Amino acid sequence: GLMWLGSGLTDPDISMAAALGLYGAFGQAKPVALNGPQFLTGDVLEKPLSIARGSVAVPKGPGLGIEVDQEKVTTLMKETSGSKRIEIT
């Protein structure tokens, strides 16, 4: 059957959750490859994805099965328009 590559190498954990949902929806237990978050130093989820022994479970719950921590997002946002920060309210 058709196999595909999912990557979390340079994408945030939100993208990783989306890739996991896609694999889970189609019963793809062993993708061609699924890169983990190797180049990112922070996560933006309330409860980080649990990666252990080369495996990760598809998050459970509505939507992507994750909750975004808005405070973490705000902290990680880059400054825009000079020294002005975009605030999420």
PDB file of N, CA and C in Angstrom:
ATOM      1  N   GLY A   1       0.813  -1.189   0.000  1.00  0.00           N
ATOM      2  CA  GLY A   1       0.000   0.000   0.000  1.00  0.00           C
ATOM      3  C   GLY A   1       0.855   1.251   0.000  1.00  0.00           C
ATOM      4  N   LEU A   2       0.195   2.340  -0.097  1.00  0.00           N
ATOM      5  CA  LEU A   2       0.836   3.646  -0.119  1.00  0.00           C
ATOM      6  C   LEU A   2       1.386   4.003   1.252  1.00  0.00           C
ATOM      7  N   MET A   3       2.621   4.478   1.293  1.00  0.00           N
ATOM      8  CA  MET A   3       3.223   4.930   2.549  1.00  0.00           C
ATOM      9  C   MET A   3       3.673   6.368   2.356  1.00  0.00           C
ATOM     10  N   TRP A   4       3.786   7.124   3.448  1.00  0.00           N
ATOM     11  CA  TRP A   4       4.195   8.519   3.340  1.00  0.00           C
ATOM     12  C   TRP A   4       5.100   8.910   4.487  1.00  0.00           C
ATOM     13  N   LEU A   5       5.718  10.074   4.347  1.00  0.00           N
ATOM     14  CA  LEU A   5       6.658  10.594   5.328  1.00  0.00           C
ATOM     15  C   LEU A   5       6.007  11.739   6.090  1.00  0.00           C
ATOM     16  N   GLY A   6       6.108  11.705   7.400  1.00  0.00           N
ATOM     17  CA  GLY A   6       5.655  12.814   8.236  1.00  0.00           C
ATOM     18  C   GLY A   6       6.872  13.386   8.925  1.00  0.00           C
ATOM     19  N   SER A   7       6.873  14.685   9.127  1.00  0.00           N
ATOM     20  CA  SER A   7       8.059  15.286   9.721  1.00  0.00           C
ATOM     21  C   SER A   7       7.714  16.246  10.838  1.00  0.00           C
ATOM     22  N   GLY A   8       8.430  16.114  11.924  1.00  0.00           N
ATOM     23  CA  GLY A   8       8.345  17.055  13.021  1.00  0.00           C
ATOM     24  C   GLY A   8       9.716  17.661  13.247  1.00  0.00           C
ATOM     25  N   LEU A   9      10.618  17.419  12.302  1.00  0.00           N
ATOM     26  CA  LEU A   9      12.011  17.833  12.412  1.00  0.00           C
ATOM     27  C   LEU A   9      12.152  19.329  12.660  1.00  0.00           C
ATOM     28  N   THR A  10      11.473  20.133  11.860  1.00  0.00           N
ATOM     29  CA  THR A  10      11.546  21.584  12.004  1.00  0.00           C
ATOM     30  C   THR A  10      10.179  22.199  12.250  1.00  0.00           C
ATOM     31  N   ASP A  11       9.179  21.387  12.443  1.00  0.00           N
ATOM     32  CA  ASP A  11       7.816  21.866  12.673  1.00  0.00           C
ATOM     33  C   ASP A  11       7.483  21.780  14.154  1.00  0.00           C
ATOM     34  N   PRO A  12       6.576  22.629  14.615  1.00  0.00           N
ATOM     35  CA  PRO A  12       6.183  22.549  16.030  1.00  0.00           C
ATOM     36  C   PRO A  12       5.393  21.279  16.327  1.00  0.00           C
ATOM     37  N   ASP A  13       5.211  21.005  17.597  1.00  0.00           N
ATOM     38  CA  ASP A  13       4.508  19.795  18.018  1.00  0.00           C
ATOM     39  C   ASP A  13       3.057  19.758  17.548  1.00  0.00           C
ATOM     40  N   ILE A  14       2.488  20.887  17.171  1.00  0.00           N
ATOM     41  CA  ILE A  14       1.132  20.905  16.613  1.00  0.00           C
ATOM     42  C   ILE A  14       1.133  20.140  15.290  1.00  0.00           C
ATOM     43  N   SER A  15       2.149  20.361  14.457  1.00  0.00           N
ATOM     44  CA  SER A  15       2.262  19.650  13.178  1.00  0.00           C
ATOM     45  C   SER A  15       2.477  18.159  13.385  1.00  0.00           C
ATOM     46  N   MET A  16       3.252  17.819  14.399  1.00  0.00           N
ATOM     47  CA  MET A  16       3.493  16.409  14.724  1.00  0.00           C
ATOM     48  C   MET A  16       2.178  15.736  15.111  1.00  0.00           C
ATOM     49  N   ALA A  17       1.345  16.423  15.896  1.00  0.00           N
ATOM     50  CA  ALA A  17       0.043  15.873  16.286  1.00  0.00           C
ATOM     51  C   ALA A  17      -0.837  15.666  15.055  1.00  0.00           C
ATOM     52  N   ALA A  18      -0.779  16.597  14.098  1.00  0.00           N
ATOM     53  CA  ALA A  18      -1.560  16.459  12.867  1.00  0.00           C
ATOM     54  C   ALA A  18      -1.095  15.244  12.066  1.00  0.00           C
ATOM     55  N   ALA A  19       0.222  15.052  11.953  1.00  0.00           N
ATOM     56  CA  ALA A  19       0.758  13.891  11.235  1.00  0.00           C
ATOM     57  C   ALA A  19       0.343  12.595  11.924  1.00  0.00           C
ATOM     58  N   LEU A  20       0.395  12.586  13.250  1.00  0.00           N
ATOM     59  CA  LEU A  20      -0.013  11.388  13.998  1.00  0.00           C
ATOM     60  C   LEU A  20      -1.488  11.079  13.775  1.00  0.00           C
ATOM     61  N   GLY A  21      -2.318  12.122  13.741  1.00  0.00           N
ATOM     62  CA  GLY A  21      -3.748  11.928  13.479  1.00  0.00           C
ATOM     63  C   GLY A  21      -3.990  11.326  12.110  1.00  0.00           C
ATOM     64  N   LEU A  22      -3.235  11.785  11.116  1.00  0.00           N
ATOM     65  CA  LEU A  22      -3.361  11.247   9.758  1.00  0.00           C
ATOM     66  C   LEU A  22      -2.964   9.778   9.726  1.00  0.00           C
ATOM     67  N   TYR A  23      -1.818   9.452  10.341  1.00  0.00           N
ATOM     68  CA  TYR A  23      -1.394   8.050  10.392  1.00  0.00           C
ATOM     69  C   TYR A  23      -2.435   7.188  11.096  1.00  0.00           C
ATOM     70  N   GLY A  24      -2.934   7.674  12.229  1.00  0.00           N
ATOM     71  CA  GLY A  24      -3.922   6.920  12.996  1.00  0.00           C
ATOM     72  C   GLY A  24      -5.220   6.713  12.244  1.00  0.00           C
ATOM     73  N   ALA A  25      -5.655   7.731  11.497  1.00  0.00           N
ATOM     74  CA  ALA A  25      -6.916   7.647  10.750  1.00  0.00           C
ATOM     75  C   ALA A  25      -6.870   6.572   9.675  1.00  0.00           C
ATOM     76  N   PHE A  26      -5.685   6.340   9.123  1.00  0.00           N
ATOM     77  CA  PHE A  26      -5.552   5.353   8.063  1.00  0.00           C
ATOM     78  C   PHE A  26      -4.878   4.071   8.531  1.00  0.00           C
ATOM     79  N   GLY A  27      -4.698   3.927   9.845  1.00  0.00           N
ATOM     80  CA  GLY A  27      -4.112   2.702  10.378  1.00  0.00           C
ATOM     81  C   GLY A  27      -2.661   2.499   9.984  1.00  0.00           C
ATOM     82  N   GLN A  28      -1.956   3.582   9.711  1.00  0.00           N
ATOM     83  CA  GLN A  28      -0.552   3.504   9.306  1.00  0.00           C
ATOM     84  C   GLN A  28       0.307   3.409  10.558  1.00  0.00           C
ATOM     85  N   ALA A  29       0.534   2.195  11.033  1.00  0.00           N
ATOM     86  CA  ALA A  29       1.285   1.995  12.275  1.00  0.00           C
ATOM     87  C   ALA A  29       2.778   2.237  12.097  1.00  0.00           C
ATOM     88  N   LYS A  30       3.291   1.960  10.899  1.00  0.00           N
ATOM     89  CA  LYS A  30       4.725   2.130  10.642  1.00  0.00           C
ATOM     90  C   LYS A  30       4.909   2.966   9.380  1.00  0.00           C
ATOM     91  N   PRO A  31       4.979   4.303   9.540  1.00  0.00           N
ATOM     92  CA  PRO A  31       5.196   5.147   8.362  1.00  0.00           C
ATOM     93  C   PRO A  31       6.596   4.944   7.799  1.00  0.00           C
ATOM     94  N   VAL A  32       6.803   5.420   6.585  1.00  0.00           N
ATOM     95  CA  VAL A  32       8.131   5.360   5.981  1.00  0.00           C
ATOM     96  C   VAL A  32       9.130   5.988   6.943  1.00  0.00           C
ATOM     97  N   ALA A  33       8.757   7.132   7.499  1.00  0.00           N
ATOM     98  CA  ALA A  33       9.583   7.806   8.504  1.00  0.00           C
ATOM     99  C   ALA A  33       8.731   8.847   9.215  1.00  0.00           C
ATOM    100  N   LEU A  34       9.065   9.116  10.437  1.00  0.00           N
ATOM    101  CA  LEU A  34       8.411  10.178  11.192  1.00  0.00           C
ATOM    102  C   LEU A  34       9.495  10.842  12.021  1.00  0.00           C
ATOM    103  N   ASN A  35       9.998  11.943  11.520  1.00  0.00           N
ATOM    104  CA  ASN A  35      11.062  12.661  12.214  1.00  0.00           C
ATOM    105  C   ASN A  35      10.521  13.328  13.465  1.00  0.00           C
ATOM    106  N   GLY A  36      11.276  13.244  14.530  1.00  0.00           N
ATOM    107  CA  GLY A  36      10.893  13.913  15.766  1.00  0.00           C
ATOM    108  C   GLY A  36      11.415  15.337  15.816  1.00  0.00           C
ATOM    109  N   PRO A  37      11.070  16.056  16.858  1.00  0.00           N
ATOM    110  CA  PRO A  37      11.459  17.470  16.991  1.00  0.00           C
ATOM    111  C   PRO A  37      12.932  17.637  17.374  1.00  0.00           C
ATOM    112  N   GLN A  38      13.822  17.516  16.400  1.00  0.00           N
ATOM    113  CA  GLN A  38      15.254  17.556  16.685  1.00  0.00           C
ATOM    114  C   GLN A  38      15.851  18.953  16.693  1.00  0.00           C
ATOM    115  N   PHE A  39      15.230  19.904  15.999  1.00  0.00           N
ATOM    116  CA  PHE A  39      15.808  21.241  15.898  1.00  0.00           C
ATOM    117  C   PHE A  39      15.040  22.293  16.687  1.00  0.00           C
ATOM    118  N   LEU A  40      14.032  21.894  17.425  1.00  0.00           N
ATOM    119  CA  LEU A  40      13.238  22.848  18.193  1.00  0.00           C
ATOM    120  C   LEU A  40      13.530  22.683  19.674  1.00  0.00           C
ATOM    121  N   THR A  41      13.570  23.788  20.388  1.00  0.00           N
ATOM    122  CA  THR A  41      13.893  23.720  21.813  1.00  0.00           C
ATOM    123  C   THR A  41      12.677  23.898  22.705  1.00  0.00           C
ATOM    124  N   GLY A  42      11.553  24.292  22.145  1.00  0.00           N
ATOM    125  CA  GLY A  42      10.376  24.510  22.980  1.00  0.00           C
ATOM    126  C   GLY A  42       9.155  23.830  22.407  1.00  0.00           C
ATOM    127  N   ASP A  43       8.202  23.565  23.258  1.00  0.00           N
ATOM    128  CA  ASP A  43       6.934  23.018  22.798  1.00  0.00           C
ATOM    129  C   ASP A  43       5.851  24.028  23.154  1.00  0.00           C
ATOM    130  N   VAL A  44       4.694  23.898  22.535  1.00  0.00           N
ATOM    131  CA  VAL A  44       3.604  24.838  22.795  1.00  0.00           C
ATOM    132  C   VAL A  44       2.330  24.141  23.261  1.00  0.00           C
ATOM    133  N   LEU A  45       2.460  22.906  23.709  1.00  0.00           N
ATOM    134  CA  LEU A  45       1.283  22.158  24.138  1.00  0.00           C
ATOM    135  C   LEU A  45       1.132  22.176  25.651  1.00  0.00           C
ATOM    136  N   GLU A  46      -0.130  22.135  26.102  1.00  0.00           N
ATOM    137  CA  GLU A  46      -0.401  22.020  27.541  1.00  0.00           C
ATOM    138  C   GLU A  46       0.231  20.739  28.079  1.00  0.00           C
ATOM    139  N   LYS A  47       0.052  19.645  27.323  1.00  0.00           N
ATOM    140  CA  LYS A  47       0.618  18.343  27.686  1.00  0.00           C
ATOM    141  C   LYS A  47       1.458  17.874  26.497  1.00  0.00           C
ATOM    142  N   PRO A  48       2.786  17.896  26.625  1.00  0.00           N
ATOM    143  CA  PRO A  48       3.646  17.515  25.496  1.00  0.00           C
ATOM    144  C   PRO A  48       3.389  16.085  25.014  1.00  0.00           C
ATOM    145  N   LEU A  49       3.668  15.848  23.732  1.00  0.00           N
ATOM    146  CA  LEU A  49       3.563  14.502  23.177  1.00  0.00           C
ATOM    147  C   LEU A  49       4.583  13.615  23.873  1.00  0.00           C
ATOM    148  N   SER A  50       4.196  12.385  24.136  1.00  0.00           N
ATOM    149  CA  SER A  50       5.082  11.463  24.827  1.00  0.00           C
ATOM    150  C   SER A  50       5.750  10.540  23.812  1.00  0.00           C
ATOM    151  N   ILE A  51       7.033  10.780  23.575  1.00  0.00           N
ATOM    152  CA  ILE A  51       7.804   9.963  22.641  1.00  0.00           C
ATOM    153  C   ILE A  51       8.752   9.102  23.465  1.00  0.00           C
ATOM    154  N   ALA A  52       8.614   7.779  23.341  1.00  0.00           N
ATOM    155  CA  ALA A  52       9.450   6.861  24.117  1.00  0.00           C
ATOM    156  C   ALA A  52       9.777   5.624  23.286  1.00  0.00           C
ATOM    157  N   ARG A  53      11.040   5.237  23.298  1.00  0.00           N
ATOM    158  CA  ARG A  53      11.507   4.024  22.599  1.00  0.00           C
ATOM    159  C   ARG A  53      11.112   4.007  21.122  1.00  0.00           C
ATOM    160  N   GLY A  54      11.173   5.174  20.492  1.00  0.00           N
ATOM    161  CA  GLY A  54      10.872   5.256  19.069  1.00  0.00           C
ATOM    162  C   GLY A  54       9.401   5.210  18.723  1.00  0.00           C
ATOM    163  N   SER A  55       8.526   5.362  19.714  1.00  0.00           N
ATOM    164  CA  SER A  55       7.087   5.326  19.468  1.00  0.00           C
ATOM    165  C   SER A  55       6.403   6.530  20.090  1.00  0.00           C
ATOM    166  N   VAL A  56       5.283   6.892  19.509  1.00  0.00           N
ATOM    167  CA  VAL A  56       4.456   7.965  20.054  1.00  0.00           C
ATOM    168  C   VAL A  56       2.995   7.616  19.772  1.00  0.00           C
ATOM    169  N   ALA A  57       2.141   7.868  20.735  1.00  0.00           N
ATOM    170  CA  ALA A  57       0.718   7.555  20.581  1.00  0.00           C
ATOM    171  C   ALA A  57      -0.008   8.715  19.905  1.00  0.00           C
ATOM    172  N   VAL A  58      -1.044   8.391  19.142  1.00  0.00           N
ATOM    173  CA  VAL A  58      -1.905   9.412  18.554  1.00  0.00           C
ATOM    174  C   VAL A  58      -2.636  10.109  19.699  1.00  0.00           C
ATOM    175  N   PRO A  59      -2.561  11.449  19.778  1.00  0.00           N
ATOM    176  CA  PRO A  59      -3.262  12.159  20.854  1.00  0.00           C
ATOM    177  C   PRO A  59      -4.768  11.904  20.807  1.00  0.00           C
ATOM    178  N   LYS A  60      -5.380  11.808  21.968  1.00  0.00           N
ATOM    179  CA  LYS A  60      -6.827  11.561  22.073  1.00  0.00           C
ATOM    180  C   LYS A  60      -7.534  12.868  22.407  1.00  0.00           C
ATOM    181  N   GLY A  61      -8.736  13.038  21.912  1.00  0.00           N
ATOM    182  CA  GLY A  61      -9.514  14.231  22.210  1.00  0.00           C
ATOM    183  C   GLY A  61     -10.025  14.871  20.931  1.00  0.00           C
ATOM    184  N   PRO A  62     -10.800  15.944  21.072  1.00  0.00           N
ATOM    185  CA  PRO A  62     -11.362  16.604  19.893  1.00  0.00           C
ATOM    186  C   PRO A  62     -10.281  17.259  19.023  1.00  0.00           C
ATOM    187  N   GLY A  63     -10.582  17.420  17.753  1.00  0.00           N
ATOM    188  CA  GLY A  63      -9.633  18.051  16.831  1.00  0.00           C
ATOM    189  C   GLY A  63      -8.370  17.223  16.694  1.00  0.00           C
ATOM    190  N   LEU A  64      -7.239  17.846  16.922  1.00  0.00           N
ATOM    191  CA  LEU A  64      -5.954  17.139  16.844  1.00  0.00           C
ATOM    192  C   LEU A  64      -5.638  16.377  18.121  1.00  0.00           C
ATOM    193  N   GLY A  65      -6.506  16.501  19.135  1.00  0.00           N
ATOM    194  CA  GLY A  65      -6.281  15.791  20.395  1.00  0.00           C
ATOM    195  C   GLY A  65      -5.291  16.489  21.308  1.00  0.00           C
ATOM    196  N   ILE A  66      -5.022  17.751  21.044  1.00  0.00           N
ATOM    197  CA  ILE A  66      -4.051  18.507  21.834  1.00  0.00           C
ATOM    198  C   ILE A  66      -4.665  19.821  22.297  1.00  0.00           C
ATOM    199  N   GLU A  67      -4.050  20.434  23.294  1.00  0.00           N
ATOM    200  CA  GLU A  67      -4.434  21.775  23.731  1.00  0.00           C
ATOM    201  C   GLU A  67      -3.189  22.646  23.681  1.00  0.00           C
ATOM    202  N   VAL A  68      -3.314  23.795  23.023  1.00  0.00           N
ATOM    203  CA  VAL A  68      -2.190  24.718  22.885  1.00  0.00           C
ATOM    204  C   VAL A  68      -2.109  25.611  24.121  1.00  0.00           C
ATOM    205  N   ASP A  69      -0.907  25.759  24.644  1.00  0.00           N
ATOM    206  CA  ASP A  69      -0.652  26.646  25.780  1.00  0.00           C
ATOM    207  C   ASP A  69      -0.366  28.038  25.212  1.00  0.00           C
ATOM    208  N   GLN A  70      -1.357  28.920  25.276  1.00  0.00           N
ATOM    209  CA  GLN A  70      -1.232  30.249  24.678  1.00  0.00           C
ATOM    210  C   GLN A  70      -0.086  31.056  25.288  1.00  0.00           C
ATOM    211  N   GLU A  71       0.184  30.853  26.557  1.00  0.00           N
ATOM    212  CA  GLU A  71       1.282  31.575  27.203  1.00  0.00           C
ATOM    213  C   GLU A  71       2.629  31.173  26.595  1.00  0.00           C
ATOM    214  N   LYS A  72       2.787  29.872  26.318  1.00  0.00           N
ATOM    215  CA  LYS A  72       4.022  29.410  25.681  1.00  0.00           C
ATOM    216  C   LYS A  72       4.157  29.998  24.278  1.00  0.00           C
ATOM    217  N   VAL A  73       3.037  30.063  23.552  1.00  0.00           N
ATOM    218  CA  VAL A  73       3.063  30.627  22.203  1.00  0.00           C
ATOM    219  C   VAL A  73       3.512  32.080  22.262  1.00  0.00           C
ATOM    220  N   THR A  74       2.925  32.844  23.170  1.00  0.00           N
ATOM    221  CA  THR A  74       3.279  34.254  23.310  1.00  0.00           C
ATOM    222  C   THR A  74       4.753  34.416  23.648  1.00  0.00           C
ATOM    223  N   THR A  75       5.261  33.584  24.530  1.00  0.00           N
ATOM    224  CA  THR A  75       6.669  33.653  24.926  1.00  0.00           C
ATOM    225  C   THR A  75       7.594  33.360  23.751  1.00  0.00           C
ATOM    226  N   LEU A  76       7.214  32.425  22.896  1.00  0.00           N
ATOM    227  CA  LEU A  76       8.070  32.026  21.779  1.00  0.00           C
ATOM    228  C   LEU A  76       7.944  32.920  20.543  1.00  0.00           C
ATOM    229  N   MET A  77       6.950  33.787  20.533  1.00  0.00           N
ATOM    230  CA  MET A  77       6.740  34.637  19.353  1.00  0.00           C
ATOM    231  C   MET A  77       7.891  35.621  19.169  1.00  0.00           C
ATOM    232  N   LYS A  78       8.251  35.827  17.932  1.00  0.00           N
ATOM    233  CA  LYS A  78       9.312  36.793  17.628  1.00  0.00           C
ATOM    234  C   LYS A  78       8.729  38.201  17.653  1.00  0.00           C
ATOM    235  N   GLU A  79       9.576  39.144  17.937  1.00  0.00           N
ATOM    236  CA  GLU A  79       9.148  40.536  17.914  1.00  0.00           C
ATOM    237  C   GLU A  79       8.835  40.938  16.477  1.00  0.00           C
ATOM    238  N   THR A  80       7.834  41.792  16.337  1.00  0.00           N
ATOM    239  CA  THR A  80       7.460  42.301  15.018  1.00  0.00           C
ATOM    240  C   THR A  80       7.334  43.813  15.100  1.00  0.00           C
ATOM    241  N   SER A  81       7.392  44.469  13.979  1.00  0.00           N
ATOM    242  CA  SER A  81       7.270  45.934  13.903  1.00  0.00           C
ATOM    243  C   SER A  81       8.214  46.618  14.876  1.00  0.00           C
ATOM    244  N   GLY A  82       9.486  46.349  14.742  1.00  0.00           N
ATOM    245  CA  GLY A  82      10.463  46.952  15.645  1.00  0.00           C
ATOM    246  C   GLY A  82      10.479  46.237  16.973  1.00  0.00           C
ATOM    247  N   SER A  83      10.164  46.965  18.037  1.00  0.00           N
ATOM    248  CA  SER A  83      10.216  46.375  19.377  1.00  0.00           C
ATOM    249  C   SER A  83       8.834  46.001  19.898  1.00  0.00           C
ATOM    250  N   LYS A  84       7.839  46.037  19.031  1.00  0.00           N
ATOM    251  CA  LYS A  84       6.462  45.744  19.432  1.00  0.00           C
ATOM    252  C   LYS A  84       6.201  44.242  19.394  1.00  0.00           C
ATOM    253  N   ARG A  85       5.539  43.720  20.396  1.00  0.00           N
ATOM    254  CA  ARG A  85       5.184  42.296  20.438  1.00  0.00           C
ATOM    255  C   ARG A  85       3.709  42.127  20.115  1.00  0.00           C
ATOM    256  N   ILE A  86       3.405  41.034  19.440  1.00  0.00           N
ATOM    257  CA  ILE A  86       2.012  40.689  19.198  1.00  0.00           C
ATOM    258  C   ILE A  86       1.523  39.938  20.422  1.00  0.00           C
ATOM    259  N   GLU A  87       0.470  40.389  21.024  1.00  0.00           N
ATOM    260  CA  GLU A  87      -0.084  39.731  22.211  1.00  0.00           C
ATOM    261  C   GLU A  87      -1.357  38.979  21.834  1.00  0.00           C
ATOM    262  N   ILE A  88      -1.494  37.779  22.319  1.00  0.00           N
ATOM    263  CA  ILE A  88      -2.707  36.987  22.115  1.00  0.00           C
ATOM    264  C   ILE A  88      -3.612  37.249  23.302  1.00  0.00           C
ATOM    265  N   THR A  89      -4.820  37.696  23.026  1.00  0.00           N
ATOM    266  CA  THR A  89      -5.749  37.975  24.133  1.00  0.00           C
ATOM    267  C   THR A  89      -6.962  37.090  24.055  1.00  0.00           C
TER     268      THR A  89
END
